[in-house]
Amino acid sequence: MNDSDHNLIELYLEGNLPADKWEDFSHRLEQSADMRREFRKLSVLDENLRAQSIGFANLAEREQNTTPPTYLPWIVAAACLVLTFISWSTPPQSFPAKKSPATKQVHLASVLQPAPPIAKLIDFYDLQFQDATKSPEDIHFDLGKYEIERGQLHLRFDDSVELLFSGPGSFEILNPKLVSVTQGNVRTIVLNDKGKEFTILSPTSRYIDWGTEFSLNISPSGDDLVNVHEGAIEVQCMVTKNMSKMLTRFSKVNDSPKFTPVVIDKELENMIPGQMGGNRNQKLLEELAADPDVIGLYDFKYPQIGKDILKQRFPKVWEGDIANISFHRWIPNLHLSNTDASHGIFHGANRANGRWPQSGALNLFQKDAHLSLDLKGEYENFSFACWLKPKGKLNNPLNSLIRPYRWKKFGNLSIEVTRPGKLKQVLWGEPHIEEFQPSKRKLTRDWNHIAYTFGKVDEKTVSSLYLNGKLYNEVFPNFTDSVDLRNVIIGCLNNKYGEYLNQFNAVLDELVLWKKTLTKYEIKNFYLSGLPTYEFNDLTLAATSVAP
């Protein structure tokens, strides 16, 4: 093995091996048994030294485990003997020198791919790293320092700890349970026992999380501010090292530690899971509210405009009872200028928590629960999208999502869900489309994004359904050239006898109507903008990572 081989190994272990050298590095390892032995030896030694330098849970433990200096040479010598034995005991045949056509082998380049990162990216908003050329979703959050110029970041460590960071500031990942923060606002949440003793270091103090949730603001020019929301944390002084104090959610301002510059701030409430998505979603809603192609936008929050204004655009089906409709039953159309779609009125439902903190949704829980809207005309190009979460079992063979009050002419559209959870689209007077809906995918028990588009593609009319950003089915109507919903009912159907049937037992969030045909790319982006989703009453999360 020559010096060039040794340099390549060192560059790899330091994380500085250029991408254009990977193939050469892999080829040399395949061809040289000496280089492979050296690589294994240095890899183990590098990992042991890294673990010794950062592997202690707290300073007190580190002092207790420090080996007297007189024994250090013997430990190093013993480690070298073990490593030598490992390299001798592994036969060269373990790494074939050349490939055989008869033997299927894995290329070493694939074996040497970087390990999974220490921290998994869950979400981010308006995030800018200092001197970064990569987008956040392309960054490998491993050991190292990260400088944030602005924005917010949500990381998950070992499926056991949530770390939410707001800049400007900087932090350094020292090991899977130890993060040093020089400046910035932090919230940590321990999800299970594996996450206990997760530790945040500030320039002056150490914060050991014993299974809890707390907010922490760190400034290089002032005291640390801390607020424990649940459980307890242990605060240690980085200077004296031997002094510590436990803080809980019951700790008061005058309980602030005297031995280190830490102040309890009971008003401190840093970023919570989902809030970054909420910020991103609010920005999206503002864009949709000004989009001239949007005709209806509903987020199910309480009305912020007066009842007199709401009454100017109400569903005609409620005309006889409009004076008796309670204010809380109105769902405002948030579009700033388009009046094609009315404000909405719900019946047999109530507001519930939406997908984001402080957001709203509509819980269609009663047998006659529904939302009523009016549309002004027929649309040669039309799109519909919403987020939907089933509540328990779907009770009916067909559960109605959206349709007109009266099913009577070409252009009438119905989107239904079968009891097993499959989507189905129906167009009045187009019975042949039944045979073109073979998809096997189903609604999940979590939030689902459902989208529908209608319009001409390459001079051919296409009616398409999408589930969670992917095409579910598409059909080609023979006679229908526009969508005509007029009086819309969402959540069930109303028959000619005035009975409400096929109620959809679900929670509805973020309903949007367009007078254009959305592209597959637009639908995929709308779906991704709504991730990740959370159950806020259960922080043992299984949220998906996001790549907005």
Protein backbone atom coordinates (compact mmCIF):
# COMPACT_ATOMS: atom_id res chain seq x y z
CA MET A 1 0.00 0.00 0.00
CA ASN A 2 1.43 3.38 -0.98
CA ASP A 3 1.04 6.90 0.46
CA SER A 4 -1.67 7.73 -2.07
CA ASP A 5 -3.84 4.87 -0.75
CA HIS A 6 -3.29 6.02 2.84
CA ASN A 7 -4.28 9.60 1.93
CA LEU A 8 -7.52 8.39 0.34
CA ILE A 9 -8.44 6.49 3.53
CA GLU A 10 -7.74 9.55 5.68
CA LEU A 11 -9.85 11.79 3.42
CA TYR A 12 -12.74 9.29 3.62
CA LEU A 13 -12.62 9.02 7.44
CA GLU A 14 -12.50 12.81 7.73
CA GLY A 15 -15.55 13.11 5.47
CA ASN A 16 -13.56 15.11 2.90
CA LEU A 17 -13.24 12.57 0.09
CA PRO A 18 -14.34 14.35 -3.15
CA ALA A 19 -17.16 12.74 -5.11
CA ASP A 20 -14.93 12.26 -8.15
CA LYS A 21 -12.54 10.11 -6.03
CA TRP A 22 -15.17 7.59 -4.83
CA GLU A 23 -14.87 5.26 -7.79
CA ASP A 24 -11.05 5.28 -7.60
CA PHE A 25 -11.20 4.68 -3.81
CA SER A 26 -13.59 1.76 -4.26
CA HIS A 27 -11.45 0.21 -7.02
CA ARG A 28 -8.26 0.42 -4.93
CA LEU A 29 -9.97 -1.24 -1.97
CA GLU A 30 -11.07 -4.08 -4.22
CA GLN A 31 -7.57 -4.62 -5.55
CA SER A 32 -5.47 -4.26 -2.37
CA ALA A 33 -5.78 -6.55 0.67
CA ASP A 34 -3.25 -4.34 2.55
CA MET A 35 -5.37 -1.26 1.91
CA ARG A 36 -8.49 -3.08 3.16
CA ARG A 37 -6.75 -4.10 6.39
CA GLU A 38 -5.52 -0.55 6.96
CA PHE A 39 -8.99 0.81 6.24
CA ARG A 40 -10.62 -1.54 8.80
CA LYS A 41 -7.98 -0.76 11.42
CA LEU A 42 -8.22 3.02 11.08
CA SER A 43 -12.03 2.90 10.93
CA VAL A 44 -12.25 1.10 14.28
CA LEU A 45 -9.65 3.36 15.87
CA ASP A 46 -11.39 6.48 14.56
CA GLU A 47 -14.72 5.31 15.99
CA ASN A 48 -13.19 4.45 19.40
CA LEU A 49 -11.44 7.80 19.70
CA ARG A 50 -14.63 9.63 18.70
CA ALA A 51 -16.65 7.72 21.30
CA GLN A 52 -14.07 8.45 24.05
CA SER A 53 -14.13 12.19 23.31
CA ILE A 54 -17.91 12.71 23.22
CA GLY A 55 -19.56 9.66 24.69
CA PHE A 56 -20.14 10.78 28.29
CA ALA A 57 -23.68 11.79 29.23
CA ASN A 58 -22.54 14.62 31.52
CA LEU A 59 -19.41 16.21 32.95
CA ALA A 60 -19.70 14.53 36.33
CA GLU A 61 -19.77 11.12 34.65
CA ARG A 62 -16.81 12.08 32.48
CA GLU A 63 -14.76 12.95 35.57
CA GLN A 64 -15.73 9.68 37.24
CA ASN A 65 -14.70 7.70 34.16
CA THR A 66 -11.45 9.52 33.48
CA THR A 67 -8.52 7.06 33.55
CA PRO A 68 -5.37 8.25 35.40
CA PRO A 69 -2.72 9.42 32.91
CA THR A 70 -0.22 6.76 33.98
CA TYR A 71 -2.42 4.02 32.50
CA LEU A 72 -3.06 5.67 29.14
CA PRO A 73 0.00 4.20 27.30
CA TRP A 74 -1.03 0.67 28.36
CA ILE A 75 -4.59 1.23 27.08
CA VAL A 76 -3.31 2.51 23.74
CA ALA A 77 -0.95 -0.46 23.44
CA ALA A 78 -3.76 -2.91 24.21
CA ALA A 79 -6.04 -1.26 21.64
CA CYS A 80 -3.31 -1.55 19.01
CA LEU A 81 -2.85 -5.27 19.79
CA VAL A 82 -6.62 -5.87 19.44
CA LEU A 83 -6.74 -4.02 16.15
CA THR A 84 -3.72 -5.92 14.87
CA PHE A 85 -5.37 -9.22 15.81
CA ILE A 86 -8.55 -8.21 13.98
CA SER A 87 -6.61 -7.36 10.82
CA TRP A 88 -4.58 -10.63 10.97
CA SER A 89 -7.61 -12.82 11.71
CA THR A 90 -9.57 -11.63 8.66
CA PRO A 91 -8.38 -13.61 5.61
CA PRO A 92 -7.75 -11.73 2.37
CA GLN A 93 -10.32 -14.00 0.71
CA SER A 94 -13.02 -12.09 2.59
CA PHE A 95 -12.55 -9.37 -0.05
CA PRO A 96 -12.22 -10.94 -3.53
CA ALA A 97 -9.52 -9.32 -5.61
CA LYS A 98 -11.50 -9.45 -8.81
CA LYS A 99 -15.04 -10.11 -9.89
CA SER A 100 -16.09 -13.43 -11.32
CA PRO A 101 -18.85 -13.59 -13.93
CA ALA A 102 -20.25 -16.59 -12.10
CA THR A 103 -20.41 -14.86 -8.73
CA LYS A 104 -22.87 -12.03 -8.05
CA GLN A 105 -21.00 -9.47 -5.91
CA VAL A 106 -21.89 -6.12 -4.41
CA HIS A 107 -19.70 -3.28 -5.62
CA LEU A 108 -17.69 -1.80 -2.74
CA ALA A 109 -18.82 1.69 -3.66
CA SER A 110 -22.32 0.74 -2.51
CA VAL A 111 -20.94 -0.73 0.75
CA LEU A 112 -19.09 2.51 1.47
CA GLN A 113 -22.11 4.77 1.04
CA PRO A 114 -22.49 7.18 3.98
CA ALA A 115 -24.35 5.81 6.99
CA PRO A 116 -27.79 7.22 7.87
CA PRO A 117 -27.47 10.66 9.46
CA ILE A 118 -27.53 11.08 13.23
CA ALA A 119 -30.52 13.41 12.91
CA LYS A 120 -33.42 13.09 10.47
CA LEU A 121 -34.90 16.20 8.88
CA ILE A 122 -38.62 16.40 9.67
CA ASP A 123 -39.56 19.92 8.62
CA PHE A 124 -38.23 23.43 8.00
CA TYR A 125 -39.48 26.90 7.11
CA ASP A 126 -37.69 29.87 5.51
CA LEU A 127 -34.39 28.17 6.38
CA GLN A 128 -31.03 29.57 5.27
CA PHE A 129 -27.69 28.07 6.34
CA GLN A 130 -24.59 30.22 6.23
CA ASP A 131 -22.51 29.60 3.08
CA ALA A 132 -24.73 26.63 2.14
CA THR A 133 -25.04 25.58 -1.49
CA LYS A 134 -27.36 22.61 -0.81
CA SER A 135 -31.06 22.77 -0.07
CA PRO A 136 -31.96 21.67 3.51
CA GLU A 137 -33.40 18.31 2.39
CA ASP A 138 -30.03 17.44 0.79
CA ILE A 139 -27.99 18.10 3.93
CA HIS A 140 -26.68 15.10 5.90
CA PHE A 141 -27.27 16.08 9.54
CA ASP A 142 -24.33 14.27 11.11
CA LEU A 143 -21.54 15.28 13.50
CA GLY A 144 -20.59 18.88 12.89
CA LYS A 145 -21.50 22.54 13.29
CA TYR A 146 -24.42 24.25 11.57
CA GLU A 147 -24.74 28.03 11.21
CA ILE A 148 -28.27 29.31 10.53
CA GLU A 149 -28.78 32.82 9.21
CA ARG A 150 -32.58 32.67 9.50
CA GLY A 151 -35.52 30.30 9.67
CA GLN A 152 -36.65 27.24 11.55
CA LEU A 153 -35.56 23.61 11.59
CA HIS A 154 -37.09 20.41 13.01
CA LEU A 155 -34.80 17.39 13.54
CA ARG A 156 -35.46 13.97 15.04
CA PHE A 157 -32.69 12.05 16.83
CA ASP A 158 -32.83 8.26 16.92
CA ASP A 159 -36.66 8.22 16.73
CA SER A 160 -36.65 9.34 20.35
CA VAL A 161 -36.03 13.11 20.56
CA GLU A 162 -37.54 16.06 18.70
CA LEU A 163 -35.25 19.10 18.39
CA LEU A 164 -36.77 22.32 17.02
CA PHE A 165 -34.33 25.17 16.36
CA SER A 166 -35.07 28.79 15.41
CA GLY A 167 -32.35 31.08 14.08
CA PRO A 168 -30.33 33.12 13.68
CA GLY A 169 -27.88 31.02 15.60
CA SER A 170 -25.60 27.97 15.51
CA PHE A 171 -25.52 24.46 16.93
CA GLU A 172 -23.14 21.51 16.79
CA ILE A 173 -24.11 17.84 16.83
CA LEU A 174 -21.54 16.12 19.06
CA ASN A 175 -23.20 12.71 19.30
CA PRO A 176 -26.75 11.29 19.06
CA LYS A 177 -27.58 12.55 22.57
CA LEU A 178 -25.45 15.68 22.82
CA VAL A 179 -25.93 19.02 20.99
CA SER A 180 -24.03 22.22 21.69
CA VAL A 181 -25.85 25.51 21.02
CA THR A 182 -23.91 28.78 20.84
CA GLN A 183 -26.93 30.93 19.98
CA GLY A 184 -30.57 30.30 19.09
CA ASN A 185 -34.00 29.26 20.38
CA VAL A 186 -34.59 25.55 21.04
CA ARG A 187 -37.41 23.24 21.98
CA THR A 188 -36.75 19.58 22.81
CA ILE A 189 -39.30 16.81 23.31
CA VAL A 190 -38.34 13.34 24.54
CA LEU A 191 -40.67 10.82 22.91
CA ASN A 192 -39.69 7.63 24.75
CA ASP A 193 -37.26 6.17 27.31
CA LYS A 194 -34.51 5.87 24.70
CA GLY A 195 -34.37 9.67 24.50
CA LYS A 196 -33.81 10.29 28.21
CA GLU A 197 -30.57 12.15 29.07
CA PHE A 198 -30.57 13.98 25.75
CA THR A 199 -28.37 16.98 26.53
CA ILE A 200 -28.10 20.57 25.30
CA LEU A 201 -24.88 22.48 26.02
CA SER A 202 -24.84 26.28 26.14
CA PRO A 203 -21.62 28.29 26.62
CA THR A 204 -22.27 28.33 30.39
CA SER A 205 -24.64 25.47 31.24
CA ARG A 206 -25.61 21.89 30.54
CA TYR A 207 -29.29 20.87 30.25
CA ILE A 208 -30.02 17.15 30.69
CA ASP A 209 -33.51 16.11 29.61
CA TRP A 210 -34.94 13.35 31.80
CA GLY A 211 -38.00 12.64 29.69
CA THR A 212 -39.73 15.94 29.22
CA GLU A 213 -40.40 18.95 27.02
CA PHE A 214 -38.76 22.33 27.47
CA SER A 215 -37.95 25.59 25.69
CA LEU A 216 -34.50 27.19 25.86
CA ASN A 217 -33.20 30.50 24.50
CA ILE A 218 -29.43 30.90 24.35
CA SER A 219 -27.75 34.25 23.74
CA PRO A 220 -23.97 34.82 23.83
CA SER A 221 -24.49 38.21 25.49
CA GLY A 222 -27.02 37.36 28.21
CA ASP A 223 -28.47 34.73 30.54
CA ASP A 224 -29.99 31.52 29.22
CA LEU A 225 -33.80 31.54 29.42
CA VAL A 226 -35.55 28.23 30.15
CA ASN A 227 -39.10 27.01 30.66
CA VAL A 228 -39.99 23.38 31.43
CA HIS A 229 -43.36 22.45 29.91
CA GLU A 230 -43.52 18.84 31.11
CA GLY A 231 -41.37 16.55 33.29
CA ALA A 232 -37.98 17.63 34.59
CA ILE A 233 -34.55 18.72 33.39
CA GLU A 234 -31.24 18.82 35.21
CA VAL A 235 -29.20 22.03 34.93
CA GLN A 236 -25.43 21.86 35.49
CA CYS A 237 -22.81 24.58 35.51
CA MET A 238 -20.11 24.20 32.86
CA VAL A 239 -17.60 26.08 35.03
CA THR A 240 -17.89 24.53 38.49
CA LYS A 241 -18.98 21.16 37.02
CA ASN A 242 -20.05 19.74 40.38
CA MET A 243 -23.23 21.77 40.93
CA SER A 244 -26.64 20.89 39.49
CA LYS A 245 -30.34 21.54 40.03
CA MET A 246 -33.54 19.87 38.87
CA LEU A 247 -36.22 22.07 37.27
CA THR A 248 -39.84 21.07 36.58
CA ARG A 249 -42.92 22.78 35.15
CA PHE A 250 -43.71 23.82 38.72
CA SER A 251 -40.42 25.69 39.11
CA LYS A 252 -40.89 29.44 39.58
CA VAL A 253 -38.73 32.37 38.56
CA ASN A 254 -37.12 32.57 42.01
CA ASP A 255 -36.11 28.90 41.63
CA SER A 256 -33.59 29.86 38.94
CA PRO A 257 -30.14 28.33 39.65
CA LYS A 258 -27.75 30.73 41.40
CA PHE A 259 -24.56 28.92 40.37
CA THR A 260 -24.95 29.48 36.61
CA PRO A 261 -26.51 32.28 34.48
CA VAL A 262 -29.91 30.64 33.86
CA VAL A 263 -33.26 32.38 34.32
CA ILE A 264 -36.64 30.63 34.39
CA ASP A 265 -39.08 32.39 32.05
CA LYS A 266 -42.62 31.03 32.52
CA GLU A 267 -43.80 32.86 29.37
CA LEU A 268 -41.22 31.24 27.10
CA GLU A 269 -42.96 29.11 24.46
CA ASN A 270 -40.74 28.20 21.50
CA MET A 271 -41.68 26.58 18.20
CA ILE A 272 -43.79 23.41 18.54
CA PRO A 273 -44.09 20.44 16.13
CA GLY A 274 -46.26 21.35 13.18
CA GLN A 275 -45.84 25.10 13.57
CA MET A 276 -43.36 25.27 10.70
CA GLY A 277 -45.88 23.51 8.49
CA GLY A 278 -48.52 25.92 9.78
CA ASN A 279 -46.36 28.88 8.75
CA ARG A 280 -45.82 27.36 5.32
CA ASN A 281 -49.54 26.59 5.02
CA GLN A 282 -50.53 30.14 5.97
CA LYS A 283 -48.26 31.47 3.24
CA LEU A 284 -49.90 29.08 0.76
CA LEU A 285 -53.40 30.19 1.82
CA GLU A 286 -52.44 33.82 1.27
CA GLU A 287 -51.24 32.96 -2.24
CA LEU A 288 -54.42 31.01 -3.01
CA ALA A 289 -56.59 33.85 -1.69
CA ALA A 290 -55.11 36.14 -4.37
CA ASP A 291 -54.99 33.54 -7.20
CA PRO A 292 -57.48 34.56 -9.94
CA ASP A 293 -58.04 30.88 -10.86
CA VAL A 294 -59.27 29.99 -7.36
CA ILE A 295 -63.03 30.32 -6.88
CA GLY A 296 -63.38 28.85 -3.37
CA LEU A 297 -60.99 28.68 -0.39
CA TYR A 298 -62.12 27.37 3.02
CA ASP A 299 -59.94 26.76 6.09
CA PHE A 300 -62.80 26.20 8.63
CA LYS A 301 -61.68 28.76 11.18
CA TYR A 302 -64.29 30.92 12.89
CA PRO A 303 -65.53 33.78 10.67
CA GLN A 304 -63.56 37.02 10.87
CA ILE A 305 -66.19 39.00 8.93
CA GLY A 306 -69.67 40.04 9.99
CA LYS A 307 -72.86 38.07 9.42
CA ASP A 308 -74.28 40.81 7.19
CA ILE A 309 -71.38 40.32 4.76
CA LEU A 310 -71.72 36.53 4.92
CA LYS A 311 -75.40 36.73 4.04
CA GLN A 312 -74.57 38.40 0.73
CA ARG A 313 -73.25 35.07 -0.59
CA PHE A 314 -75.04 32.14 1.02
CA PRO A 315 -76.08 28.66 -0.26
CA LYS A 316 -79.59 28.88 -1.72
CA VAL A 317 -80.64 25.63 -0.10
CA TRP A 318 -80.64 27.48 3.25
CA GLU A 319 -82.55 30.49 1.94
CA GLY A 320 -85.65 29.84 4.03
CA ASP A 321 -83.67 29.52 7.29
CA ILE A 322 -80.97 32.11 6.72
CA ALA A 323 -82.20 34.35 9.56
CA ASN A 324 -81.91 31.47 12.04
CA ILE A 325 -78.46 30.21 11.07
CA SER A 326 -76.08 30.58 14.02
CA PHE A 327 -72.98 32.62 13.31
CA HIS A 328 -70.59 29.76 14.18
CA ARG A 329 -72.08 27.59 11.39
CA TRP A 330 -70.76 29.87 8.64
CA ILE A 331 -67.58 28.89 6.76
CA PRO A 332 -66.22 31.97 4.94
CA ASN A 333 -64.86 31.77 1.41
CA LEU A 334 -61.43 33.38 1.93
CA HIS A 335 -60.80 34.41 -1.67
CA LEU A 336 -60.20 38.15 -1.83
CA SER A 337 -62.06 38.94 -5.06
CA ASN A 338 -63.67 35.98 -6.84
CA THR A 339 -67.39 35.60 -6.07
CA ASP A 340 -68.08 32.44 -8.11
CA ALA A 341 -68.42 30.37 -4.94
CA SER A 342 -70.57 31.29 -1.94
CA HIS A 343 -69.67 31.21 1.71
CA GLY A 344 -70.48 27.85 3.29
CA ILE A 345 -72.89 26.68 5.99
CA PHE A 346 -72.48 23.40 7.87
CA HIS A 347 -75.07 21.20 9.54
CA GLY A 348 -74.69 18.29 11.95
CA ALA A 349 -70.96 18.94 12.32
CA ASN A 350 -68.58 20.89 14.53
CA ARG A 351 -65.17 22.47 14.28
CA ALA A 352 -62.17 20.39 15.29
CA ASN A 353 -58.39 20.74 15.35
CA GLY A 354 -56.85 20.91 11.89
CA ARG A 355 -53.50 19.63 10.68
CA TRP A 356 -51.57 22.56 12.17
CA PRO A 357 -51.44 24.23 15.60
CA GLN A 358 -54.31 26.70 16.06
CA SER A 359 -55.85 25.63 12.73
CA GLY A 360 -59.42 24.47 12.19
CA ALA A 361 -61.18 21.58 10.45
CA LEU A 362 -64.77 20.37 10.12
CA ASN A 363 -65.75 17.18 11.95
CA LEU A 364 -68.57 15.46 9.99
CA PHE A 365 -69.62 13.20 12.84
CA GLN A 366 -73.45 13.02 12.68
CA LYS A 367 -75.48 10.97 10.22
CA ASP A 368 -76.70 14.10 8.44
CA ALA A 369 -73.43 16.08 8.74
CA HIS A 370 -72.56 18.13 5.65
CA LEU A 371 -71.30 21.42 4.25
CA SER A 372 -73.35 23.41 1.70
CA LEU A 373 -71.86 25.68 -1.01
CA ASP A 374 -73.09 27.28 -4.22
CA LEU A 375 -71.16 27.68 -7.48
CA LYS A 376 -72.31 30.16 -10.11
CA GLY A 377 -71.81 28.31 -13.35
CA GLU A 378 -70.46 25.47 -15.46
CA TYR A 379 -66.69 25.00 -15.78
CA GLU A 380 -64.92 23.51 -18.78
CA ASN A 381 -61.82 23.41 -16.57
CA PHE A 382 -62.30 22.55 -12.92
CA SER A 383 -60.28 21.25 -9.96
CA PHE A 384 -61.09 20.35 -6.37
CA ALA A 385 -58.80 19.45 -3.46
CA CYS A 386 -59.13 18.82 0.27
CA TRP A 387 -57.52 17.03 3.18
CA LEU A 388 -59.59 14.28 4.74
CA LYS A 389 -59.16 12.05 7.77
CA PRO A 390 -61.60 9.15 8.36
CA LYS A 391 -62.97 8.87 11.91
CA GLY A 392 -63.38 5.20 12.67
CA LYS A 393 -65.07 2.87 10.19
CA LEU A 394 -66.74 3.99 6.99
CA ASN A 395 -70.31 2.93 7.68
CA ASN A 396 -71.86 2.83 4.21
CA PRO A 397 -71.15 0.84 1.04
CA LEU A 398 -70.68 4.26 -0.61
CA ASN A 399 -69.69 7.33 1.43
CA SER A 400 -70.35 10.60 -0.38
CA LEU A 401 -67.60 13.23 -0.42
CA ILE A 402 -68.87 15.84 -2.92
CA ARG A 403 -71.84 16.03 -5.29
CA PRO A 404 -74.72 18.38 -6.27
CA TYR A 405 -77.91 18.37 -4.20
CA ARG A 406 -79.85 17.18 -7.25
CA TRP A 407 -78.45 14.47 -9.53
CA LYS A 408 -80.12 15.26 -12.85
CA LYS A 409 -77.97 16.35 -15.83
CA PHE A 410 -74.69 16.17 -17.72
CA GLY A 411 -71.89 17.86 -15.80
CA ASN A 412 -73.01 16.56 -12.42
CA LEU A 413 -70.03 15.07 -10.61
CA SER A 414 -69.87 12.80 -7.56
CA ILE A 415 -66.77 11.64 -5.68
CA GLU A 416 -67.43 8.72 -3.36
CA VAL A 417 -65.43 6.37 -1.13
CA THR A 418 -66.31 2.71 -0.73
CA ARG A 419 -66.49 1.02 2.65
CA PRO A 420 -62.96 -0.50 2.24
CA GLY A 421 -61.63 3.03 1.49
CA LYS A 422 -61.32 3.09 -2.31
CA LEU A 423 -62.04 6.28 -4.25
CA LYS A 424 -64.63 6.40 -7.00
CA GLN A 425 -65.71 9.13 -9.42
CA VAL A 426 -69.10 9.25 -11.10
CA LEU A 427 -70.32 11.54 -13.93
CA TRP A 428 -74.02 11.77 -14.76
CA GLY A 429 -74.81 10.01 -18.04
CA GLU A 430 -71.37 8.35 -18.32
CA PRO A 431 -71.93 4.74 -17.12
CA HIS A 432 -68.97 3.39 -19.09
CA ILE A 433 -66.39 5.02 -16.77
CA GLU A 434 -67.05 2.39 -14.06
CA GLU A 435 -64.74 -0.10 -15.76
CA PHE A 436 -61.78 2.31 -15.85
CA GLN A 437 -61.25 2.64 -12.08
CA PRO A 438 -59.12 -0.35 -11.06
CA SER A 439 -56.76 1.28 -8.50
CA LYS A 440 -56.10 -0.79 -5.36
CA ARG A 441 -54.89 2.03 -3.12
CA LYS A 442 -57.07 3.06 -0.18
CA LEU A 443 -57.49 5.93 2.25
CA THR A 444 -55.27 5.66 5.30
CA ARG A 445 -56.41 6.33 8.87
CA ASP A 446 -54.25 9.46 8.88
CA TRP A 447 -54.75 12.64 6.84
CA ASN A 448 -55.26 12.01 3.11
CA HIS A 449 -54.99 14.55 0.30
CA ILE A 450 -57.73 14.06 -2.31
CA ALA A 451 -57.69 16.03 -5.57
CA TYR A 452 -59.86 15.98 -8.70
CA THR A 453 -59.30 17.61 -12.10
CA PHE A 454 -61.45 18.02 -15.20
CA GLY A 455 -60.50 19.51 -18.56
CA LYS A 456 -58.97 18.94 -21.95
CA VAL A 457 -55.55 17.33 -22.30
CA ASP A 458 -54.26 17.07 -25.87
CA GLU A 459 -57.75 17.94 -27.16
CA LYS A 460 -59.31 15.09 -25.15
CA THR A 461 -61.55 15.61 -22.10
CA VAL A 462 -60.05 13.89 -19.05
CA SER A 463 -61.55 13.43 -15.57
CA SER A 464 -58.88 12.47 -12.99
CA LEU A 465 -58.68 11.57 -9.30
CA TYR A 466 -55.53 11.85 -7.16
CA LEU A 467 -54.73 10.40 -3.75
CA ASN A 468 -51.80 11.72 -1.72
CA GLY A 469 -50.11 13.39 -4.66
CA LYS A 470 -50.36 10.44 -7.07
CA LEU A 471 -52.80 9.76 -9.89
CA TYR A 472 -55.49 7.37 -8.63
CA ASN A 473 -57.54 6.92 -11.79
CA GLU A 474 -58.54 8.83 -14.90
CA VAL A 475 -61.50 8.42 -17.25
CA PHE A 476 -62.49 9.88 -20.61
CA PRO A 477 -66.12 11.12 -20.73
CA ASN A 478 -68.03 10.67 -23.99
CA PHE A 479 -70.64 13.39 -23.51
CA THR A 480 -69.59 15.62 -20.61
CA ASP A 481 -67.76 18.78 -21.63
CA SER A 482 -68.01 20.77 -18.37
CA VAL A 483 -68.55 20.35 -14.62
CA ASP A 484 -71.87 21.65 -13.28
CA LEU A 485 -72.22 21.45 -9.48
CA ARG A 486 -74.24 24.61 -8.72
CA ASN A 487 -75.67 23.64 -5.29
CA VAL A 488 -72.92 21.55 -3.69
CA ILE A 489 -73.25 19.21 -0.72
CA ILE A 490 -70.06 17.86 0.90
CA GLY A 491 -70.11 14.97 3.37
CA CYS A 492 -73.32 13.14 2.43
CA LEU A 493 -76.10 13.13 -0.20
CA ASN A 494 -79.62 14.53 -0.06
CA ASN A 495 -82.28 12.55 -1.94
CA LYS A 496 -85.47 13.87 -3.51
CA TYR A 497 -87.37 13.19 -0.28
CA GLY A 498 -85.04 15.48 1.66
CA GLU A 499 -83.30 12.58 3.44
CA TYR A 500 -79.56 12.69 4.17
CA LEU A 501 -77.78 9.45 3.27
CA ASN A 502 -74.28 8.01 2.81
CA GLN A 503 -72.72 10.26 5.46
CA PHE A 504 -68.90 10.41 5.34
CA ASN A 505 -67.59 9.94 8.88
CA ALA A 506 -64.46 12.07 8.59
CA VAL A 507 -62.71 15.37 9.37
CA LEU A 508 -62.38 17.83 6.48
CA ASP A 509 -59.59 20.40 6.19
CA GLU A 510 -58.42 22.98 3.63
CA LEU A 511 -60.98 22.83 0.83
CA VAL A 512 -60.01 24.55 -2.46
CA LEU A 513 -61.93 24.94 -5.76
CA TRP A 514 -60.34 26.15 -9.02
CA LYS A 515 -61.70 27.15 -12.42
CA LYS A 516 -58.68 25.54 -14.08
CA THR A 517 -57.27 22.05 -14.57
CA LEU A 518 -54.38 21.49 -12.18
CA THR A 519 -51.32 19.66 -13.51
CA LYS A 520 -49.85 16.56 -11.89
CA TYR A 521 -46.90 18.69 -10.78
CA GLU A 522 -49.17 21.23 -9.05
CA ILE A 523 -51.10 18.50 -7.25
CA LYS A 524 -47.89 16.86 -6.05
CA ASN A 525 -46.68 20.21 -4.69
CA PHE A 526 -49.96 20.87 -2.89
CA TYR A 527 -49.68 17.45 -1.26
CA LEU A 528 -46.05 17.97 -0.20
CA SER A 529 -46.85 21.41 1.21
CA GLY A 530 -49.21 19.69 3.65
CA LEU A 531 -46.57 17.38 5.14
CA PRO A 532 -45.68 16.31 7.73
CA THR A 533 -48.92 15.74 9.63
CA TYR A 534 -49.10 15.21 13.39
CA GLU A 535 -51.38 14.02 16.13
CA PHE A 536 -50.88 16.83 18.64
CA ASN A 537 -52.38 14.85 21.50
CA ASP A 538 -49.85 12.05 20.99
CA LEU A 539 -46.20 13.08 20.67
CA THR A 540 -44.95 9.53 20.13
CA LEU A 541 -45.05 10.61 16.50
CA ALA A 542 -44.55 8.76 13.29
CA ALA A 543 -44.53 11.81 11.07
CA THR A 544 -43.05 11.70 7.62
CA SER A 545 -40.11 13.84 6.62
CA VAL A 546 -40.92 16.73 4.36
CA ALA A 547 -39.36 17.98 1.17
CA PRO A 548 -41.35 21.08 0.28
